[in-house]
Amino acid sequence: MTKPKLGFNPDELVLTKQDVLAMLDNIEHRWSQNKKANWKLILSISGMKAYISFSSEETIKAVWSEIVKGFNELLIENSIAIGKGNGESWAETFEKVKSKKKESA
């Protein structure tokens, strides 16, 4: 892999285990405002928090780095789909670049 030109890798997770848990706590707090409607979401996030609590810092960084990377890819795909739906020419160009990249891999 080539060295990022930005001087850093935007997909690399530098947050700590406690940072991830704090983020999940904030989400759970928002969902707790309507426990009846969000009980399944609250149960799921509680399971995630338990998994994180029992995992090592290295494991958290490895797993969540992949989650961040995957989420970034989803955001790009979503933007391309929206652009294509709106008839934006840049979206077609990105689609072609993506296809050529897959062919060369």
PDB file of N, CA and C in Angstrom:
ATOM      1  N   MET A   1       0.848  -1.182   0.000  1.00  0.00           N
ATOM      2  CA  MET A   1       0.000   0.000   0.000  1.00  0.00           C
ATOM      3  C   MET A   1       0.888   1.239   0.000  1.00  0.00           C
ATOM      4  N   THR A   2       0.500   2.230  -0.772  1.00  0.00           N
ATOM      5  CA  THR A   2       1.292   3.460  -0.846  1.00  0.00           C
ATOM      6  C   THR A   2       1.036   4.325   0.383  1.00  0.00           C
ATOM      7  N   LYS A   3       2.020   5.123   0.711  1.00  0.00           N
ATOM      8  CA  LYS A   3       1.908   6.014   1.861  1.00  0.00           C
ATOM      9  C   LYS A   3       0.908   7.126   1.532  1.00  0.00           C
ATOM     10  N   PRO A   4      -0.041   7.391   2.441  1.00  0.00           N
ATOM     11  CA  PRO A   4      -1.025   8.447   2.183  1.00  0.00           C
ATOM     12  C   PRO A   4      -0.353   9.797   1.958  1.00  0.00           C
ATOM     13  N   LYS A   5      -0.853  10.544   0.991  1.00  0.00           N
ATOM     14  CA  LYS A   5      -0.308  11.857   0.684  1.00  0.00           C
ATOM     15  C   LYS A   5      -0.737  12.898   1.715  1.00  0.00           C
ATOM     16  N   LEU A   6      -1.731  12.565   2.501  1.00  0.00           N
ATOM     17  CA  LEU A   6      -2.216  13.498   3.510  1.00  0.00           C
ATOM     18  C   LEU A   6      -1.295  13.564   4.720  1.00  0.00           C
ATOM     19  N   GLY A   7      -0.400  12.601   4.844  1.00  0.00           N
ATOM     20  CA  GLY A   7       0.442  12.534   6.024  1.00  0.00           C
ATOM     21  C   GLY A   7      -0.177  11.686   7.119  1.00  0.00           C
ATOM     22  N   PHE A   8      -1.382  11.192   6.868  1.00  0.00           N
ATOM     23  CA  PHE A   8      -2.050  10.302   7.805  1.00  0.00           C
ATOM     24  C   PHE A   8      -3.019   9.431   7.019  1.00  0.00           C
ATOM     25  N   ASN A   9      -3.456   8.360   7.645  1.00  0.00           N
ATOM     26  CA  ASN A   9      -4.415   7.453   7.021  1.00  0.00           C
ATOM     27  C   ASN A   9      -5.789   7.730   7.626  1.00  0.00           C
ATOM     28  N   PRO A  10      -6.748   8.267   6.860  1.00  0.00           N
ATOM     29  CA  PRO A  10      -8.046   8.616   7.426  1.00  0.00           C
ATOM     30  C   PRO A  10      -8.847   7.395   7.890  1.00  0.00           C
ATOM     31  N   ASP A  11      -8.459   6.185   7.435  1.00  0.00           N
ATOM     32  CA  ASP A  11      -9.152   4.977   7.850  1.00  0.00           C
ATOM     33  C   ASP A  11      -8.571   4.379   9.136  1.00  0.00           C
ATOM     34  N   GLU A  12      -7.424   4.886   9.578  1.00  0.00           N
ATOM     35  CA  GLU A  12      -6.794   4.350  10.786  1.00  0.00           C
ATOM     36  C   GLU A  12      -7.505   4.897  12.017  1.00  0.00           C
ATOM     37  N   LEU A  13      -7.888   4.003  12.887  1.00  0.00           N
ATOM     38  CA  LEU A  13      -8.567   4.412  14.112  1.00  0.00           C
ATOM     39  C   LEU A  13      -7.543   4.801  15.170  1.00  0.00           C
ATOM     40  N   VAL A  14      -7.617   6.008  15.639  1.00  0.00           N
ATOM     41  CA  VAL A  14      -6.712   6.462  16.692  1.00  0.00           C
ATOM     42  C   VAL A  14      -7.467   6.676  18.004  1.00  0.00           C
ATOM     43  N   LEU A  15      -8.758   6.479  17.974  1.00  0.00           N
ATOM     44  CA  LEU A  15      -9.553   6.598  19.182  1.00  0.00           C
ATOM     45  C   LEU A  15      -9.270   5.422  20.108  1.00  0.00           C
ATOM     46  N   THR A  16      -9.491   5.633  21.378  1.00  0.00           N
ATOM     47  CA  THR A  16      -9.275   4.575  22.357  1.00  0.00           C
ATOM     48  C   THR A  16     -10.562   3.793  22.578  1.00  0.00           C
ATOM     49  N   LYS A  17     -10.407   2.706  23.294  1.00  0.00           N
ATOM     50  CA  LYS A  17     -11.549   1.880  23.681  1.00  0.00           C
ATOM     51  C   LYS A  17     -12.576   2.743  24.439  1.00  0.00           C
ATOM     52  N   GLN A  18     -12.095   3.600  25.327  1.00  0.00           N
ATOM     53  CA  GLN A  18     -12.993   4.473  26.093  1.00  0.00           C
ATOM     54  C   GLN A  18     -13.711   5.478  25.192  1.00  0.00           C
ATOM     55  N   ASP A  19     -13.049   5.947  24.145  1.00  0.00           N
ATOM     56  CA  ASP A  19     -13.688   6.868  23.194  1.00  0.00           C
ATOM     57  C   ASP A  19     -14.845   6.178  22.471  1.00  0.00           C
ATOM     58  N   VAL A  20     -14.615   4.941  22.052  1.00  0.00           N
ATOM     59  CA  VAL A  20     -15.663   4.183  21.358  1.00  0.00           C
ATOM     60  C   VAL A  20     -16.830   3.929  22.308  1.00  0.00           C
ATOM     61  N   LEU A  21     -16.531   3.536  23.544  1.00  0.00           N
ATOM     62  CA  LEU A  21     -17.595   3.310  24.524  1.00  0.00           C
ATOM     63  C   LEU A  21     -18.378   4.588  24.807  1.00  0.00           C
ATOM     64  N   ALA A  22     -17.696   5.720  24.882  1.00  0.00           N
ATOM     65  CA  ALA A  22     -18.375   7.003  25.119  1.00  0.00           C
ATOM     66  C   ALA A  22     -19.319   7.336  23.961  1.00  0.00           C
ATOM     67  N   MET A  23     -18.884   7.069  22.724  1.00  0.00           N
ATOM     68  CA  MET A  23     -19.741   7.314  21.568  1.00  0.00           C
ATOM     69  C   MET A  23     -20.999   6.445  21.647  1.00  0.00           C
ATOM     70  N   LEU A  24     -20.806   5.163  21.985  1.00  0.00           N
ATOM     71  CA  LEU A  24     -21.946   4.257  22.094  1.00  0.00           C
ATOM     72  C   LEU A  24     -22.861   4.664  23.252  1.00  0.00           C
ATOM     73  N   ASP A  25     -22.286   5.154  24.346  1.00  0.00           N
ATOM     74  CA  ASP A  25     -23.102   5.665  25.461  1.00  0.00           C
ATOM     75  C   ASP A  25     -23.981   6.826  25.004  1.00  0.00           C
ATOM     76  N   ASN A  26     -23.419   7.727  24.200  1.00  0.00           N
ATOM     77  CA  ASN A  26     -24.193   8.873  23.696  1.00  0.00           C
ATOM     78  C   ASN A  26     -25.342   8.411  22.816  1.00  0.00           C
ATOM     79  N   ILE A  27     -25.083   7.437  21.967  1.00  0.00           N
ATOM     80  CA  ILE A  27     -26.145   6.908  21.105  1.00  0.00           C
ATOM     81  C   ILE A  27     -27.226   6.257  21.958  1.00  0.00           C
ATOM     82  N   GLU A  28     -26.790   5.429  22.909  1.00  0.00           N
ATOM     83  CA  GLU A  28     -27.760   4.761  23.788  1.00  0.00           C
ATOM     84  C   GLU A  28     -28.601   5.784  24.555  1.00  0.00           C
ATOM     85  N   HIS A  29     -27.977   6.848  25.007  1.00  0.00           N
ATOM     86  CA  HIS A  29     -28.716   7.895  25.725  1.00  0.00           C
ATOM     87  C   HIS A  29     -29.815   8.502  24.846  1.00  0.00           C
ATOM     88  N   ARG A  30     -29.490   8.784  23.590  1.00  0.00           N
ATOM     89  CA  ARG A  30     -30.496   9.337  22.667  1.00  0.00           C
ATOM     90  C   ARG A  30     -31.633   8.349  22.456  1.00  0.00           C
ATOM     91  N   TRP A  31     -31.296   7.088  22.264  1.00  0.00           N
ATOM     92  CA  TRP A  31     -32.329   6.073  22.043  1.00  0.00           C
ATOM     93  C   TRP A  31     -33.170   5.847  23.298  1.00  0.00           C
ATOM     94  N   SER A  32     -32.581   6.059  24.461  1.00  0.00           N
ATOM     95  CA  SER A  32     -33.296   5.842  25.724  1.00  0.00           C
ATOM     96  C   SER A  32     -34.407   6.861  25.944  1.00  0.00           C
ATOM     97  N   GLN A  33     -34.413   7.923  25.161  1.00  0.00           N
ATOM     98  CA  GLN A  33     -35.478   8.916  25.280  1.00  0.00           C
ATOM     99  C   GLN A  33     -36.828   8.316  24.903  1.00  0.00           C
ATOM    100  N   ASN A  34     -36.805   7.242  24.103  1.00  0.00           N
ATOM    101  CA  ASN A  34     -38.033   6.534  23.731  1.00  0.00           C
ATOM    102  C   ASN A  34     -37.751   5.028  23.815  1.00  0.00           C
ATOM    103  N   LYS A  35     -37.675   4.548  25.044  1.00  0.00           N
ATOM    104  CA  LYS A  35     -37.286   3.149  25.286  1.00  0.00           C
ATOM    105  C   LYS A  35     -38.242   2.154  24.655  1.00  0.00           C
ATOM    106  N   LYS A  36     -39.520   2.475  24.655  1.00  0.00           N
ATOM    107  CA  LYS A  36     -40.511   1.542  24.112  1.00  0.00           C
ATOM    108  C   LYS A  36     -40.273   1.302  22.619  1.00  0.00           C
ATOM    109  N   ALA A  37     -40.024   2.349  21.870  1.00  0.00           N
ATOM    110  CA  ALA A  37     -39.817   2.220  20.428  1.00  0.00           C
ATOM    111  C   ALA A  37     -38.420   1.702  20.086  1.00  0.00           C
ATOM    112  N   ASN A  38     -37.451   1.968  20.943  1.00  0.00           N
ATOM    113  CA  ASN A  38     -36.048   1.668  20.626  1.00  0.00           C
ATOM    114  C   ASN A  38     -35.450   0.526  21.437  1.00  0.00           C
ATOM    115  N   TRP A  39     -36.267  -0.293  22.086  1.00  0.00           N
ATOM    116  CA  TRP A  39     -35.740  -1.317  22.977  1.00  0.00           C
ATOM    117  C   TRP A  39     -34.815  -2.294  22.258  1.00  0.00           C
ATOM    118  N   LYS A  40     -35.109  -2.632  21.004  1.00  0.00           N
ATOM    119  CA  LYS A  40     -34.233  -3.552  20.268  1.00  0.00           C
ATOM    120  C   LYS A  40     -32.879  -2.900  19.970  1.00  0.00           C
ATOM    121  N   LEU A  41     -32.900  -1.616  19.636  1.00  0.00           N
ATOM    122  CA  LEU A  41     -31.659  -0.898  19.376  1.00  0.00           C
ATOM    123  C   LEU A  41     -30.824  -0.787  20.649  1.00  0.00           C
ATOM    124  N   ILE A  42     -31.494  -0.496  21.763  1.00  0.00           N
ATOM    125  CA  ILE A  42     -30.807  -0.381  23.047  1.00  0.00           C
ATOM    126  C   ILE A  42     -30.184  -1.714  23.440  1.00  0.00           C
ATOM    127  N   LEU A  43     -30.905  -2.794  23.224  1.00  0.00           N
ATOM    128  CA  LEU A  43     -30.386  -4.136  23.517  1.00  0.00           C
ATOM    129  C   LEU A  43     -29.160  -4.433  22.659  1.00  0.00           C
ATOM    130  N   SER A  44     -29.222  -4.087  21.391  1.00  0.00           N
ATOM    131  CA  SER A  44     -28.098  -4.319  20.481  1.00  0.00           C
ATOM    132  C   SER A  44     -26.869  -3.516  20.883  1.00  0.00           C
ATOM    133  N   ILE A  45     -27.066  -2.256  21.195  1.00  0.00           N
ATOM    134  CA  ILE A  45     -25.915  -1.423  21.542  1.00  0.00           C
ATOM    135  C   ILE A  45     -25.329  -1.851  22.890  1.00  0.00           C
ATOM    136  N   SER A  46     -26.157  -2.373  23.773  1.00  0.00           N
ATOM    137  CA  SER A  46     -25.651  -2.894  25.048  1.00  0.00           C
ATOM    138  C   SER A  46     -24.746  -4.094  24.795  1.00  0.00           C
ATOM    139  N   GLY A  47     -25.122  -4.934  23.836  1.00  0.00           N
ATOM    140  CA  GLY A  47     -24.276  -6.070  23.463  1.00  0.00           C
ATOM    141  C   GLY A  47     -22.953  -5.614  22.876  1.00  0.00           C
ATOM    142  N   MET A  48     -22.997  -4.567  22.044  1.00  0.00           N
ATOM    143  CA  MET A  48     -21.763  -4.022  21.475  1.00  0.00           C
ATOM    144  C   MET A  48     -20.859  -3.481  22.569  1.00  0.00           C
ATOM    145  N   LYS A  49     -21.452  -2.787  23.522  1.00  0.00           N
ATOM    146  CA  LYS A  49     -20.663  -2.232  24.616  1.00  0.00           C
ATOM    147  C   LYS A  49     -20.030  -3.347  25.453  1.00  0.00           C
ATOM    148  N   ALA A  50     -20.761  -4.438  25.657  1.00  0.00           N
ATOM    149  CA  ALA A  50     -20.209  -5.567  26.413  1.00  0.00           C
ATOM    150  C   ALA A  50     -19.033  -6.179  25.660  1.00  0.00           C
ATOM    151  N   TYR A  51     -19.196  -6.374  24.349  1.00  0.00           N
ATOM    152  CA  TYR A  51     -18.103  -6.926  23.534  1.00  0.00           C
ATOM    153  C   TYR A  51     -16.863  -6.045  23.636  1.00  0.00           C
ATOM    154  N   ILE A  52     -17.055  -4.738  23.556  1.00  0.00           N
ATOM    155  CA  ILE A  52     -15.925  -3.807  23.614  1.00  0.00           C
ATOM    156  C   ILE A  52     -15.276  -3.841  24.995  1.00  0.00           C
ATOM    157  N   SER A  53     -16.078  -3.911  26.032  1.00  0.00           N
ATOM    158  CA  SER A  53     -15.547  -3.930  27.393  1.00  0.00           C
ATOM    159  C   SER A  53     -14.622  -5.120  27.636  1.00  0.00           C
ATOM    160  N   PHE A  54     -14.936  -6.268  27.019  1.00  0.00           N
ATOM    161  CA  PHE A  54     -14.153  -7.481  27.235  1.00  0.00           C
ATOM    162  C   PHE A  54     -13.045  -7.683  26.209  1.00  0.00           C
ATOM    163  N   SER A  55     -12.955  -6.811  25.220  1.00  0.00           N
ATOM    164  CA  SER A  55     -11.939  -6.941  24.171  1.00  0.00           C
ATOM    165  C   SER A  55     -10.721  -6.072  24.483  1.00  0.00           C
ATOM    166  N   SER A  56      -9.593  -6.477  23.935  1.00  0.00           N
ATOM    167  CA  SER A  56      -8.369  -5.706  24.134  1.00  0.00           C
ATOM    168  C   SER A  56      -8.394  -4.437  23.284  1.00  0.00           C
ATOM    169  N   GLU A  57      -7.565  -3.504  23.648  1.00  0.00           N
ATOM    170  CA  GLU A  57      -7.430  -2.244  22.897  1.00  0.00           C
ATOM    171  C   GLU A  57      -7.038  -2.538  21.443  1.00  0.00           C
ATOM    172  N   GLU A  58      -6.118  -3.488  21.250  1.00  0.00           N
ATOM    173  CA  GLU A  58      -5.653  -3.842  19.894  1.00  0.00           C
ATOM    174  C   GLU A  58      -6.793  -4.424  19.056  1.00  0.00           C
ATOM    175  N   THR A  59      -7.612  -5.273  19.678  1.00  0.00           N
ATOM    176  CA  THR A  59      -8.750  -5.872  18.962  1.00  0.00           C
ATOM    177  C   THR A  59      -9.747  -4.791  18.563  1.00  0.00           C
ATOM    178  N   ILE A  60     -10.021  -3.890  19.487  1.00  0.00           N
ATOM    179  CA  ILE A  60     -10.961  -2.791  19.202  1.00  0.00           C
ATOM    180  C   ILE A  60     -10.459  -1.957  18.040  1.00  0.00           C
ATOM    181  N   LYS A  61      -9.181  -1.605  18.066  1.00  0.00           N
ATOM    182  CA  LYS A  61      -8.616  -0.796  16.977  1.00  0.00           C
ATOM    183  C   LYS A  61      -8.694  -1.535  15.644  1.00  0.00           C
ATOM    184  N   ALA A  62      -8.407  -2.837  15.639  1.00  0.00           N
ATOM    185  CA  ALA A  62      -8.452  -3.613  14.393  1.00  0.00           C
ATOM    186  C   ALA A  62      -9.874  -3.695  13.848  1.00  0.00           C
ATOM    187  N   VAL A  63     -10.820  -4.055  14.701  1.00  0.00           N
ATOM    188  CA  VAL A  63     -12.212  -4.218  14.249  1.00  0.00           C
ATOM    189  C   VAL A  63     -12.811  -2.879  13.844  1.00  0.00           C
ATOM    190  N   TRP A  64     -12.656  -1.866  14.686  1.00  0.00           N
ATOM    191  CA  TRP A  64     -13.282  -0.580  14.395  1.00  0.00           C
ATOM    192  C   TRP A  64     -12.593   0.157  13.256  1.00  0.00           C
ATOM    193  N   SER A  65     -11.324  -0.118  13.018  1.00  0.00           N
ATOM    194  CA  SER A  65     -10.669   0.460  11.837  1.00  0.00           C
ATOM    195  C   SER A  65     -11.334  -0.077  10.571  1.00  0.00           C
ATOM    196  N   GLU A  66     -11.653  -1.368  10.568  1.00  0.00           N
ATOM    197  CA  GLU A  66     -12.344  -1.946   9.412  1.00  0.00           C
ATOM    198  C   GLU A  66     -13.761  -1.407   9.281  1.00  0.00           C
ATOM    199  N   ILE A  67     -14.429  -1.196  10.405  1.00  0.00           N
ATOM    200  CA  ILE A  67     -15.777  -0.622  10.373  1.00  0.00           C
ATOM    201  C   ILE A  67     -15.729   0.789   9.789  1.00  0.00           C
ATOM    202  N   VAL A  68     -14.769   1.596  10.239  1.00  0.00           N
ATOM    203  CA  VAL A  68     -14.626   2.969   9.728  1.00  0.00           C
ATOM    204  C   VAL A  68     -14.326   2.940   8.231  1.00  0.00           C
ATOM    205  N   LYS A  69     -13.406   2.068   7.832  1.00  0.00           N
ATOM    206  CA  LYS A  69     -13.051   1.952   6.410  1.00  0.00           C
ATOM    207  C   LYS A  69     -14.281   1.552   5.593  1.00  0.00           C
ATOM    208  N   GLY A  70     -15.017   0.557   6.066  1.00  0.00           N
ATOM    209  CA  GLY A  70     -16.223   0.119   5.366  1.00  0.00           C
ATOM    210  C   GLY A  70     -17.284   1.197   5.308  1.00  0.00           C
ATOM    211  N   PHE A  71     -17.440   1.930   6.398  1.00  0.00           N
ATOM    212  CA  PHE A  71     -18.420   3.009   6.421  1.00  0.00           C
ATOM    213  C   PHE A  71     -18.057   4.103   5.436  1.00  0.00           C
ATOM    214  N   ASN A  72     -16.755   4.425   5.356  1.00  0.00           N
ATOM    215  CA  ASN A  72     -16.311   5.423   4.386  1.00  0.00           C
ATOM    216  C   ASN A  72     -16.615   4.966   2.963  1.00  0.00           C
ATOM    217  N   GLU A  73     -16.411   3.683   2.686  1.00  0.00           N
ATOM    218  CA  GLU A  73     -16.724   3.146   1.358  1.00  0.00           C
ATOM    219  C   GLU A  73     -18.226   3.238   1.075  1.00  0.00           C
ATOM    220  N   LEU A  74     -19.052   2.955   2.095  1.00  0.00           N
ATOM    221  CA  LEU A  74     -20.504   3.074   1.926  1.00  0.00           C
ATOM    222  C   LEU A  74     -20.926   4.510   1.643  1.00  0.00           C
ATOM    223  N   LEU A  75     -20.300   5.464   2.320  1.00  0.00           N
ATOM    224  CA  LEU A  75     -20.616   6.872   2.072  1.00  0.00           C
ATOM    225  C   LEU A  75     -20.297   7.257   0.630  1.00  0.00           C
ATOM    226  N   ILE A  76     -19.165   6.770   0.127  1.00  0.00           N
ATOM    227  CA  ILE A  76     -18.787   7.050  -1.263  1.00  0.00           C
ATOM    228  C   ILE A  76     -19.798   6.429  -2.216  1.00  0.00           C
ATOM    229  N   GLU A  77     -20.139   5.158  -1.984  1.00  0.00           N
ATOM    230  CA  GLU A  77     -21.105   4.468  -2.843  1.00  0.00           C
ATOM    231  C   GLU A  77     -22.455   5.182  -2.825  1.00  0.00           C
ATOM    232  N   ASN A  78     -22.871   5.623  -1.658  1.00  0.00           N
ATOM    233  CA  ASN A  78     -24.144   6.330  -1.542  1.00  0.00           C
ATOM    234  C   ASN A  78     -24.112   7.657  -2.302  1.00  0.00           C
ATOM    235  N   SER A  79     -22.996   8.371  -2.189  1.00  0.00           N
ATOM    236  CA  SER A  79     -22.861   9.641  -2.910  1.00  0.00           C
ATOM    237  C   SER A  79     -22.906   9.434  -4.419  1.00  0.00           C
ATOM    238  N   ILE A  80     -22.238   8.382  -4.883  1.00  0.00           N
ATOM    239  CA  ILE A  80     -22.259   8.073  -6.321  1.00  0.00           C
ATOM    240  C   ILE A  80     -23.675   7.739  -6.767  1.00  0.00           C
ATOM    241  N   ALA A  81     -24.379   6.932  -5.977  1.00  0.00           N
ATOM    242  CA  ALA A  81     -25.757   6.558  -6.331  1.00  0.00           C
ATOM    243  C   ALA A  81     -26.666   7.779  -6.389  1.00  0.00           C
ATOM    244  N   ILE A  82     -26.509   8.679  -5.424  1.00  0.00           N
ATOM    245  CA  ILE A  82     -27.313   9.913  -5.434  1.00  0.00           C
ATOM    246  C   ILE A  82     -26.967  10.745  -6.659  1.00  0.00           C
ATOM    247  N   GLY A  83     -25.665  10.887  -6.938  1.00  0.00           N
ATOM    248  CA  GLY A  83     -25.236  11.653  -8.113  1.00  0.00           C
ATOM    249  C   GLY A  83     -25.760  11.065  -9.404  1.00  0.00           C
ATOM    250  N   LYS A  84     -25.697   9.743  -9.531  1.00  0.00           N
ATOM    251  CA  LYS A  84     -26.222   9.090 -10.742  1.00  0.00           C
ATOM    252  C   LYS A  84     -27.725   9.315 -10.866  1.00  0.00           C
ATOM    253  N   GLY A  85     -28.412   9.226  -9.726  1.00  0.00           N
ATOM    254  CA  GLY A  85     -29.864   9.456  -9.734  1.00  0.00           C
ATOM    255  C   GLY A  85     -30.227  10.865 -10.138  1.00  0.00           C
ATOM    256  N   ASN A  86     -29.339  11.800  -9.868  1.00  0.00           N
ATOM    257  CA  ASN A  86     -29.573  13.206 -10.228  1.00  0.00           C
ATOM    258  C   ASN A  86     -28.976  13.563 -11.587  1.00  0.00           C
ATOM    259  N   GLY A  87     -28.397  12.571 -12.264  1.00  0.00           N
ATOM    260  CA  GLY A  87     -27.827  12.802 -13.587  1.00  0.00           C
ATOM    261  C   GLY A  87     -26.516  13.574 -13.568  1.00  0.00           C
ATOM    262  N   GLU A  88     -25.782  13.510 -12.467  1.00  0.00           N
ATOM    263  CA  GLU A  88     -24.510  14.222 -12.338  1.00  0.00           C
ATOM    264  C   GLU A  88     -23.425  13.493 -13.130  1.00  0.00           C
ATOM    265  N   SER A  89     -22.680  14.222 -13.941  1.00  0.00           N
ATOM    266  CA  SER A  89     -21.647  13.604 -14.776  1.00  0.00           C
ATOM    267  C   SER A  89     -20.486  13.054 -13.949  1.00  0.00           C
ATOM    268  N   TRP A  90     -20.161  13.689 -12.834  1.00  0.00           N
ATOM    269  CA  TRP A  90     -19.059  13.217 -12.006  1.00  0.00           C
ATOM    270  C   TRP A  90     -19.321  11.805 -11.496  1.00  0.00           C
ATOM    271  N   ALA A  91     -20.599  11.474 -11.247  1.00  0.00           N
ATOM    272  CA  ALA A  91     -20.932  10.155 -10.713  1.00  0.00           C
ATOM    273  C   ALA A  91     -20.602   9.063 -11.726  1.00  0.00           C
ATOM    274  N   GLU A  92     -20.866   9.329 -12.997  1.00  0.00           N
ATOM    275  CA  GLU A  92     -20.528   8.366 -14.042  1.00  0.00           C
ATOM    276  C   GLU A  92     -19.019   8.172 -14.120  1.00  0.00           C
ATOM    277  N   THR A  93     -18.273   9.253 -13.981  1.00  0.00           N
ATOM    278  CA  THR A  93     -16.812   9.175 -14.018  1.00  0.00           C
ATOM    279  C   THR A  93     -16.301   8.331 -12.854  1.00  0.00           C
ATOM    280  N   PHE A  94     -16.816   8.570 -11.656  1.00  0.00           N
ATOM    281  CA  PHE A  94     -16.402   7.790 -10.489  1.00  0.00           C
ATOM    282  C   PHE A  94     -16.755   6.317 -10.673  1.00  0.00           C
ATOM    283  N   GLU A  95     -17.899   6.039 -11.253  1.00  0.00           N
ATOM    284  CA  GLU A  95     -18.328   4.660 -11.499  1.00  0.00           C
ATOM    285  C   GLU A  95     -17.349   3.961 -12.441  1.00  0.00           C
ATOM    286  N   LYS A  96     -16.915   4.662 -13.487  1.00  0.00           N
ATOM    287  CA  LYS A  96     -15.944   4.096 -14.434  1.00  0.00           C
ATOM    288  C   LYS A  96     -14.600   3.846 -13.758  1.00  0.00           C
ATOM    289  N   VAL A  97     -14.153   4.788 -12.954  1.00  0.00           N
ATOM    290  CA  VAL A  97     -12.878   4.631 -12.238  1.00  0.00           C
ATOM    291  C   VAL A  97     -12.963   3.425 -11.295  1.00  0.00           C
ATOM    292  N   LYS A  98     -14.067   3.299 -10.608  1.00  0.00           N
ATOM    293  CA  LYS A  98     -14.262   2.195  -9.684  1.00  0.00           C
ATOM    294  C   LYS A  98     -14.227   0.860 -10.421  1.00  0.00           C
ATOM    295  N   SER A  99     -14.854   0.791 -11.585  1.00  0.00           N
ATOM    296  CA  SER A  99     -14.871  -0.440 -12.390  1.00  0.00           C
ATOM    297  C   SER A  99     -13.475  -0.800 -12.859  1.00  0.00           C
ATOM    298  N   LYS A 100     -12.738   0.177 -13.334  1.00  0.00           N
ATOM    299  CA  LYS A 100     -11.358  -0.078 -13.801  1.00  0.00           C
ATOM    300  C   LYS A 100     -10.463  -0.511 -12.653  1.00  0.00           C
ATOM    301  N   LYS A 101     -10.672   0.063 -11.487  1.00  0.00           N
ATOM    302  CA  LYS A 101      -9.889  -0.303 -10.313  1.00  0.00           C
ATOM    303  C   LYS A 101     -10.144  -1.759  -9.929  1.00  0.00           C
ATOM    304  N   LYS A 102     -11.410  -2.192  -9.997  1.00  0.00           N
ATOM    305  CA  LYS A 102     -11.754  -3.584  -9.691  1.00  0.00           C
ATOM    306  C   LYS A 102     -11.148  -4.547 -10.707  1.00  0.00           C
ATOM    307  N   GLU A 103     -11.136  -4.141 -11.981  1.00  0.00           N
ATOM    308  CA  GLU A 103     -10.583  -4.976 -13.049  1.00  0.00           C
ATOM    309  C   GLU A 103      -9.090  -5.182 -12.861  1.00  0.00           C
ATOM    310  N   SER A 104      -8.391  -4.152 -12.383  1.00  0.00           N
ATOM    311  CA  SER A 104      -6.931  -4.245 -12.252  1.00  0.00           C
ATOM    312  C   SER A 104      -6.515  -4.945 -10.958  1.00  0.00           C
ATOM    313  N   ALA A 105      -7.446  -5.118 -10.048  1.00  0.00           N
ATOM    314  CA  ALA A 105      -7.112  -5.756  -8.749  1.00  0.00           C
ATOM    315  C   ALA A 105      -6.988  -7.261  -8.858  1.00  0.00           C
TER     316      ALA A 105
END
